């Protein structure tokens, strides 16, 4: 007989600015929940971390074709 275990939960407190950003990103990512936003954000963070250069930077080219370097540590 298998027992359905609930997945581990993490609880944290966020300020109004963070709540507003989560709401904004729901629209950007086309999702309905904060959990879905966090999953996508973590996937993007993992992609960035796995592809950073030796100087801990990544580059992103925006819609405007401008290259932006982002420092991942510090």
PDB file of N, CA and C in Angstrom:
ATOM      1  N   UNK A   1       0.841  -1.173   0.000  1.00  0.00           N
ATOM      2  CA  UNK A   1       0.000   0.000   0.000  1.00  0.00           C
ATOM      3  C   UNK A   1       0.886   1.236   0.000  1.00  0.00           C
ATOM      4  N   UNK A   2       0.654   2.118  -0.939  1.00  0.00           N
ATOM      5  CA  UNK A   2       1.452   3.336  -0.998  1.00  0.00           C
ATOM      6  C   UNK A   2       0.774   4.451  -0.200  1.00  0.00           C
ATOM      7  N   UNK A   3       1.593   5.248   0.408  1.00  0.00           N
ATOM      8  CA  UNK A   3       1.095   6.373   1.187  1.00  0.00           C
ATOM      9  C   UNK A   3       1.417   7.645   0.400  1.00  0.00           C
ATOM     10  N   UNK A   4       0.407   8.443   0.169  1.00  0.00           N
ATOM     11  CA  UNK A   4       0.622   9.713  -0.530  1.00  0.00           C
ATOM     12  C   UNK A   4       1.263  10.702   0.423  1.00  0.00           C
ATOM     13  N   UNK A   5       2.489  11.049   0.132  1.00  0.00           N
ATOM     14  CA  UNK A   5       3.191  12.039   0.943  1.00  0.00           C
ATOM     15  C   UNK A   5       3.074  13.393   0.279  1.00  0.00           C
ATOM     16  N   UNK A   6       2.861  14.391   1.097  1.00  0.00           N
ATOM     17  CA  UNK A   6       2.853  15.765   0.580  1.00  0.00           C
ATOM     18  C   UNK A   6       4.290  16.179   0.319  1.00  0.00           C
ATOM     19  N   UNK A   7       4.506  16.928  -0.749  1.00  0.00           N
ATOM     20  CA  UNK A   7       5.866  17.408  -1.000  1.00  0.00           C
ATOM     21  C   UNK A   7       6.285  18.383   0.100  1.00  0.00           C
ATOM     22  N   UNK A   8       7.582  18.505   0.324  1.00  0.00           N
ATOM     23  CA  UNK A   8       8.052  19.457   1.346  1.00  0.00           C
ATOM     24  C   UNK A   8       7.596  20.873   0.999  1.00  0.00           C
ATOM     25  N   UNK A   9       7.343  21.648   2.021  1.00  0.00           N
ATOM     26  CA  UNK A   9       6.932  23.031   1.821  1.00  0.00           C
ATOM     27  C   UNK A   9       7.976  23.970   2.382  1.00  0.00           C
ATOM     28  N   UNK A  10       8.127  25.083   1.703  1.00  0.00           N
ATOM     29  CA  UNK A  10       8.986  26.160   2.178  1.00  0.00           C
ATOM     30  C   UNK A  10       8.097  27.382   2.333  1.00  0.00           C
ATOM     31  N   UNK A  11       8.136  27.974   3.488  1.00  0.00           N
ATOM     32  CA  UNK A  11       7.354  29.180   3.746  1.00  0.00           C
ATOM     33  C   UNK A  11       8.301  30.341   3.969  1.00  0.00           C
ATOM     34  N   UNK A  12       7.981  31.473   3.368  1.00  0.00           N
ATOM     35  CA  UNK A  12       8.776  32.669   3.599  1.00  0.00           C
ATOM     36  C   UNK A  12       7.892  33.893   3.462  1.00  0.00           C
ATOM     37  N   UNK A  13       8.369  34.971   4.030  1.00  0.00           N
ATOM     38  CA  UNK A  13       7.633  36.224   4.015  1.00  0.00           C
ATOM     39  C   UNK A  13       8.235  37.132   2.955  1.00  0.00           C
ATOM     40  N   UNK A  14       7.370  37.792   2.188  1.00  0.00           N
ATOM     41  CA  UNK A  14       7.839  38.727   1.167  1.00  0.00           C
ATOM     42  C   UNK A  14       7.184  40.082   1.394  1.00  0.00           C
ATOM     43  N   UNK A  15       7.834  41.113   0.902  1.00  0.00           N
ATOM     44  CA  UNK A  15       7.282  42.460   1.045  1.00  0.00           C
ATOM     45  C   UNK A  15       6.368  42.774  -0.152  1.00  0.00           C
ATOM     46  N   UNK A  16       5.745  43.935  -0.115  1.00  0.00           N
ATOM     47  CA  UNK A  16       4.804  44.325  -1.159  1.00  0.00           C
ATOM     48  C   UNK A  16       5.481  44.440  -2.529  1.00  0.00           C
ATOM     49  N   UNK A  17       6.707  44.901  -2.546  1.00  0.00           N
ATOM     50  CA  UNK A  17       7.442  45.020  -3.810  1.00  0.00           C
ATOM     51  C   UNK A  17       7.640  43.646  -4.462  1.00  0.00           C
ATOM     52  N   UNK A  18       7.969  42.654  -3.643  1.00  0.00           N
ATOM     53  CA  UNK A  18       8.159  41.300  -4.159  1.00  0.00           C
ATOM     54  C   UNK A  18       6.843  40.710  -4.634  1.00  0.00           C
ATOM     55  N   UNK A  19       5.771  40.957  -3.893  1.00  0.00           N
ATOM     56  CA  UNK A  19       4.446  40.492  -4.335  1.00  0.00           C
ATOM     57  C   UNK A  19       4.063  41.107  -5.669  1.00  0.00           C
ATOM     58  N   UNK A  20       4.357  42.383  -5.841  1.00  0.00           N
ATOM     59  CA  UNK A  20       4.054  43.055  -7.105  1.00  0.00           C
ATOM     60  C   UNK A  20       4.877  42.459  -8.244  1.00  0.00           C
ATOM     61  N   UNK A  21       6.132  42.158  -7.975  1.00  0.00           N
ATOM     62  CA  UNK A  21       6.984  41.544  -8.996  1.00  0.00           C
ATOM     63  C   UNK A  21       6.471  40.157  -9.364  1.00  0.00           C
ATOM     64  N   UNK A  22       6.062  39.369  -8.374  1.00  0.00           N
ATOM     65  CA  UNK A  22       5.486  38.054  -8.656  1.00  0.00           C
ATOM     66  C   UNK A  22       4.255  38.182  -9.550  1.00  0.00           C
ATOM     67  N   UNK A  23       3.398  39.142  -9.245  1.00  0.00           N
ATOM     68  CA  UNK A  23       2.203  39.363 -10.068  1.00  0.00           C
ATOM     69  C   UNK A  23       2.578  39.773 -11.488  1.00  0.00           C
ATOM     70  N   UNK A  24       3.563  40.653 -11.608  1.00  0.00           N
ATOM     71  CA  UNK A  24       4.010  41.083 -12.932  1.00  0.00           C
ATOM     72  C   UNK A  24       4.541  39.893 -13.737  1.00  0.00           C
ATOM     73  N   UNK A  25       5.341  39.057 -13.075  1.00  0.00           N
ATOM     74  CA  UNK A  25       5.936  37.916 -13.765  1.00  0.00           C
ATOM     75  C   UNK A  25       4.916  36.840 -14.116  1.00  0.00           C
ATOM     76  N   UNK A  26       3.819  36.775 -13.395  1.00  0.00           N
ATOM     77  CA  UNK A  26       2.747  35.858 -13.794  1.00  0.00           C
ATOM     78  C   UNK A  26       2.302  36.181 -15.215  1.00  0.00           C
ATOM     79  N   UNK A  27       2.124  37.468 -15.489  1.00  0.00           N
ATOM     80  CA  UNK A  27       1.734  37.882 -16.834  1.00  0.00           C
ATOM     81  C   UNK A  27       2.837  37.648 -17.848  1.00  0.00           C
ATOM     82  N   UNK A  28       4.056  37.983 -17.472  1.00  0.00           N
ATOM     83  CA  UNK A  28       5.200  37.812 -18.378  1.00  0.00           C
ATOM     84  C   UNK A  28       5.380  36.347 -18.760  1.00  0.00           C
ATOM     85  N   UNK A  29       5.274  35.466 -17.763  1.00  0.00           N
ATOM     86  CA  UNK A  29       5.475  34.037 -18.003  1.00  0.00           C
ATOM     87  C   UNK A  29       4.201  33.334 -18.465  1.00  0.00           C
ATOM     88  N   UNK A  30       3.063  34.008 -18.376  1.00  0.00           N
ATOM     89  CA  UNK A  30       1.804  33.395 -18.785  1.00  0.00           C
ATOM     90  C   UNK A  30       1.356  32.278 -17.862  1.00  0.00           C
ATOM     91  N   UNK A  31       1.549  32.481 -16.556  1.00  0.00           N
ATOM     92  CA  UNK A  31       1.163  31.485 -15.554  1.00  0.00           C
ATOM     93  C   UNK A  31       0.223  32.117 -14.537  1.00  0.00           C
ATOM     94  N   UNK A  32      -0.369  31.286 -13.692  1.00  0.00           N
ATOM     95  CA  UNK A  32      -1.371  31.789 -12.752  1.00  0.00           C
ATOM     96  C   UNK A  32      -0.957  31.766 -11.289  1.00  0.00           C
ATOM     97  N   UNK A  33       0.133  31.070 -10.964  1.00  0.00           N
ATOM     98  CA  UNK A  33       0.475  30.926  -9.549  1.00  0.00           C
ATOM     99  C   UNK A  33       1.891  31.423  -9.257  1.00  0.00           C
ATOM    100  N   UNK A  34       2.105  31.800  -8.009  1.00  0.00           N
ATOM    101  CA  UNK A  34       3.443  32.184  -7.567  1.00  0.00           C
ATOM    102  C   UNK A  34       4.402  31.008  -7.691  1.00  0.00           C
ATOM    103  N   UNK A  35       3.903  29.805  -7.434  1.00  0.00           N
ATOM    104  CA  UNK A  35       4.739  28.606  -7.549  1.00  0.00           C
ATOM    105  C   UNK A  35       5.263  28.456  -8.968  1.00  0.00           C
ATOM    106  N   UNK A  36       4.404  28.668  -9.950  1.00  0.00           N
ATOM    107  CA  UNK A  36       4.827  28.549 -11.344  1.00  0.00           C
ATOM    108  C   UNK A  36       5.863  29.618 -11.692  1.00  0.00           C
ATOM    109  N   UNK A  37       5.690  30.828 -11.166  1.00  0.00           N
ATOM    110  CA  UNK A  37       6.679  31.892 -11.384  1.00  0.00           C
ATOM    111  C   UNK A  37       8.019  31.474 -10.789  1.00  0.00           C
ATOM    112  N   UNK A  38       8.005  30.981  -9.563  1.00  0.00           N
ATOM    113  CA  UNK A  38       9.251  30.585  -8.910  1.00  0.00           C
ATOM    114  C   UNK A  38       9.927  29.438  -9.646  1.00  0.00           C
ATOM    115  N   UNK A  39       9.159  28.477 -10.142  1.00  0.00           N
ATOM    116  CA  UNK A  39       9.757  27.372 -10.918  1.00  0.00           C
ATOM    117  C   UNK A  39      10.485  27.907 -12.146  1.00  0.00           C
ATOM    118  N   UNK A  40       9.848  28.817 -12.870  1.00  0.00           N
ATOM    119  CA  UNK A  40      10.476  29.369 -14.067  1.00  0.00           C
ATOM    120  C   UNK A  40      11.697  30.214 -13.709  1.00  0.00           C
ATOM    121  N   UNK A  41      11.576  31.004 -12.668  1.00  0.00           N
ATOM    122  CA  UNK A  41      12.705  31.832 -12.240  1.00  0.00           C
ATOM    123  C   UNK A  41      13.895  30.960 -11.825  1.00  0.00           C
ATOM    124  N   UNK A  42      13.621  29.877 -11.122  1.00  0.00           N
ATOM    125  CA  UNK A  42      14.700  28.970 -10.723  1.00  0.00           C
ATOM    126  C   UNK A  42      15.307  28.263 -11.929  1.00  0.00           C
ATOM    127  N   UNK A  43      14.500  27.918 -12.911  1.00  0.00           N
ATOM    128  CA  UNK A  43      15.023  27.299 -14.134  1.00  0.00           C
ATOM    129  C   UNK A  43      15.941  28.266 -14.870  1.00  0.00           C
ATOM    130  N   UNK A  44      15.552  29.540 -14.931  1.00  0.00           N
ATOM    131  CA  UNK A  44      16.389  30.556 -15.572  1.00  0.00           C
ATOM    132  C   UNK A  44      17.682  30.746 -14.781  1.00  0.00           C
ATOM    133  N   UNK A  45      17.594  30.754 -13.460  1.00  0.00           N
ATOM    134  CA  UNK A  45      18.786  30.904 -12.616  1.00  0.00           C
ATOM    135  C   UNK A  45      19.730  29.720 -12.810  1.00  0.00           C
ATOM    136  N   UNK A  46      19.181  28.500 -12.892  1.00  0.00           N
ATOM    137  CA  UNK A  46      20.020  27.313 -13.113  1.00  0.00           C
ATOM    138  C   UNK A  46      20.711  27.409 -14.476  1.00  0.00           C
ATOM    139  N   UNK A  47      19.977  27.810 -15.508  1.00  0.00           N
ATOM    140  CA  UNK A  47      20.548  27.969 -16.840  1.00  0.00           C
ATOM    141  C   UNK A  47      21.687  28.986 -16.818  1.00  0.00           C
ATOM    142  N   UNK A  48      21.465  30.105 -16.146  1.00  0.00           N
ATOM    143  CA  UNK A  48      22.497  31.134 -16.043  1.00  0.00           C
ATOM    144  C   UNK A  48      23.722  30.609 -15.299  1.00  0.00           C
ATOM    145  N   UNK A  49      23.499  29.948 -14.173  1.00  0.00           N
ATOM    146  CA  UNK A  49      24.613  29.442 -13.366  1.00  0.00           C
ATOM    147  C   UNK A  49      25.416  28.389 -14.122  1.00  0.00           C
ATOM    148  N   UNK A  50      24.728  27.536 -14.869  1.00  0.00           N
ATOM    149  CA  UNK A  50      25.412  26.481 -15.612  1.00  0.00           C
ATOM    150  C   UNK A  50      26.175  27.002 -16.820  1.00  0.00           C
ATOM    151  N   UNK A  51      25.873  28.206 -17.258  1.00  0.00           N
ATOM    152  CA  UNK A  51      26.493  28.747 -18.461  1.00  0.00           C
ATOM    153  C   UNK A  51      27.315  30.007 -18.225  1.00  0.00           C
ATOM    154  N   UNK A  52      27.609  30.303 -16.969  1.00  0.00           N
ATOM    155  CA  UNK A  52      28.387  31.494 -16.677  1.00  0.00           C
ATOM    156  C   UNK A  52      29.833  31.321 -17.142  1.00  0.00           C
ATOM    157  N   UNK A  53      30.444  32.441 -17.474  1.00  0.00           N
ATOM    158  CA  UNK A  53      31.849  32.426 -17.874  1.00  0.00           C
ATOM    159  C   UNK A  53      32.735  32.339 -16.625  1.00  0.00           C
ATOM    160  N   UNK A  54      34.022  32.194 -16.853  1.00  0.00           N
ATOM    161  CA  UNK A  54      34.970  32.084 -15.738  1.00  0.00           C
ATOM    162  C   UNK A  54      34.945  33.299 -14.817  1.00  0.00           C
ATOM    163  N   UNK A  55      34.548  34.460 -15.345  1.00  0.00           N
ATOM    164  CA  UNK A  55      34.487  35.662 -14.508  1.00  0.00           C
ATOM    165  C   UNK A  55      33.115  35.823 -13.852  1.00  0.00           C
ATOM    166  N   UNK A  56      32.309  34.748 -13.877  1.00  0.00           N
ATOM    167  CA  UNK A  56      30.985  34.696 -13.238  1.00  0.00           C
ATOM    168  C   UNK A  56      29.978  35.646 -13.875  1.00  0.00           C
ATOM    169  N   UNK A  57      30.101  35.871 -15.163  1.00  0.00           N
ATOM    170  CA  UNK A  57      29.145  36.707 -15.866  1.00  0.00           C
ATOM    171  C   UNK A  57      28.432  35.911 -16.944  1.00  0.00           C
ATOM    172  N   UNK A  58      27.265  36.397 -17.306  1.00  0.00           N
ATOM    173  CA  UNK A  58      26.546  35.906 -18.477  1.00  0.00           C
ATOM    174  C   UNK A  58      26.161  37.129 -19.290  1.00  0.00           C
ATOM    175  N   UNK A  59      25.824  36.913 -20.538  1.00  0.00           N
ATOM    176  CA  UNK A  59      25.362  38.008 -21.393  1.00  0.00           C
ATOM    177  C   UNK A  59      23.959  37.693 -21.871  1.00  0.00           C
ATOM    178  N   UNK A  60      23.143  38.708 -21.917  1.00  0.00           N
ATOM    179  CA  UNK A  60      21.790  38.588 -22.443  1.00  0.00           C
ATOM    180  C   UNK A  60      21.633  39.654 -23.520  1.00  0.00           C
ATOM    181  N   UNK A  61      21.085  39.246 -24.650  1.00  0.00           N
ATOM    182  CA  UNK A  61      20.798  40.202 -25.716  1.00  0.00           C
ATOM    183  C   UNK A  61      19.293  40.404 -25.743  1.00  0.00           C
ATOM    184  N   UNK A  62      18.873  41.641 -25.535  1.00  0.00           N
ATOM    185  CA  UNK A  62      17.458  41.961 -25.463  1.00  0.00           C
ATOM    186  C   UNK A  62      16.831  42.159 -26.828  1.00  0.00           C
ATOM    187  N   UNK A  63      15.532  42.448 -26.797  1.00  0.00           N
ATOM    188  CA  UNK A  63      14.777  42.711 -28.026  1.00  0.00           C
ATOM    189  C   UNK A  63      15.382  43.861 -28.819  1.00  0.00           C
ATOM    190  N   UNK A  64      16.064  44.757 -28.112  1.00  0.00           N
ATOM    191  CA  UNK A  64      16.673  45.925 -28.752  1.00  0.00           C
ATOM    192  C   UNK A  64      18.072  45.632 -29.298  1.00  0.00           C
ATOM    193  N   UNK A  65      18.462  44.351 -29.262  1.00  0.00           N
ATOM    194  CA  UNK A  65      19.777  43.888 -29.739  1.00  0.00           C
ATOM    195  C   UNK A  65      20.945  44.453 -28.941  1.00  0.00           C
ATOM    196  N   UNK A  66      20.675  44.957 -27.742  1.00  0.00           N
ATOM    197  CA  UNK A  66      21.738  45.439 -26.870  1.00  0.00           C
ATOM    198  C   UNK A  66      22.188  44.290 -25.977  1.00  0.00           C
ATOM    199  N   UNK A  67      23.502  44.062 -25.944  1.00  0.00           N
ATOM    200  CA  UNK A  67      24.076  43.013 -25.099  1.00  0.00           C
ATOM    201  C   UNK A  67      24.295  43.559 -23.698  1.00  0.00           C
ATOM    202  N   UNK A  68      23.788  42.840 -22.711  1.00  0.00           N
ATOM    203  CA  UNK A  68      23.953  43.233 -21.320  1.00  0.00           C
ATOM    204  C   UNK A  68      24.695  42.124 -20.580  1.00  0.00           C
ATOM    205  N   UNK A  69      25.770  42.475 -19.897  1.00  0.00           N
ATOM    206  CA  UNK A  69      26.513  41.507 -19.080  1.00  0.00           C
ATOM    207  C   UNK A  69      25.997  41.572 -17.657  1.00  0.00           C
ATOM    208  N   UNK A  70      25.787  40.416 -17.080  1.00  0.00           N
ATOM    209  CA  UNK A  70      25.251  40.310 -15.721  1.00  0.00           C
ATOM    210  C   UNK A  70      26.237  39.528 -14.881  1.00  0.00           C
ATOM    211  N   UNK A  71      26.611  40.073 -13.722  1.00  0.00           N
ATOM    212  CA  UNK A  71      27.515  39.393 -12.794  1.00  0.00           C
ATOM    213  C   UNK A  71      26.662  38.535 -11.865  1.00  0.00           C
ATOM    214  N   UNK A  72      26.996  37.243 -11.774  1.00  0.00           N
ATOM    215  CA  UNK A  72      26.191  36.328 -10.975  1.00  0.00           C
ATOM    216  C   UNK A  72      26.628  36.221  -9.521  1.00  0.00           C
ATOM    217  N   UNK A  73      27.854  36.590  -9.206  1.00  0.00           N
ATOM    218  CA  UNK A  73      28.249  36.530  -7.802  1.00  0.00           C
ATOM    219  C   UNK A  73      28.660  37.909  -7.329  1.00  0.00           C
ATOM    220  N   UNK A  74      28.104  38.305  -6.202  1.00  0.00           N
ATOM    221  CA  UNK A  74      28.500  39.594  -5.652  1.00  0.00           C
ATOM    222  C   UNK A  74      27.459  40.647  -5.734  1.00  0.00           C
TER     223      UNK A  74
END
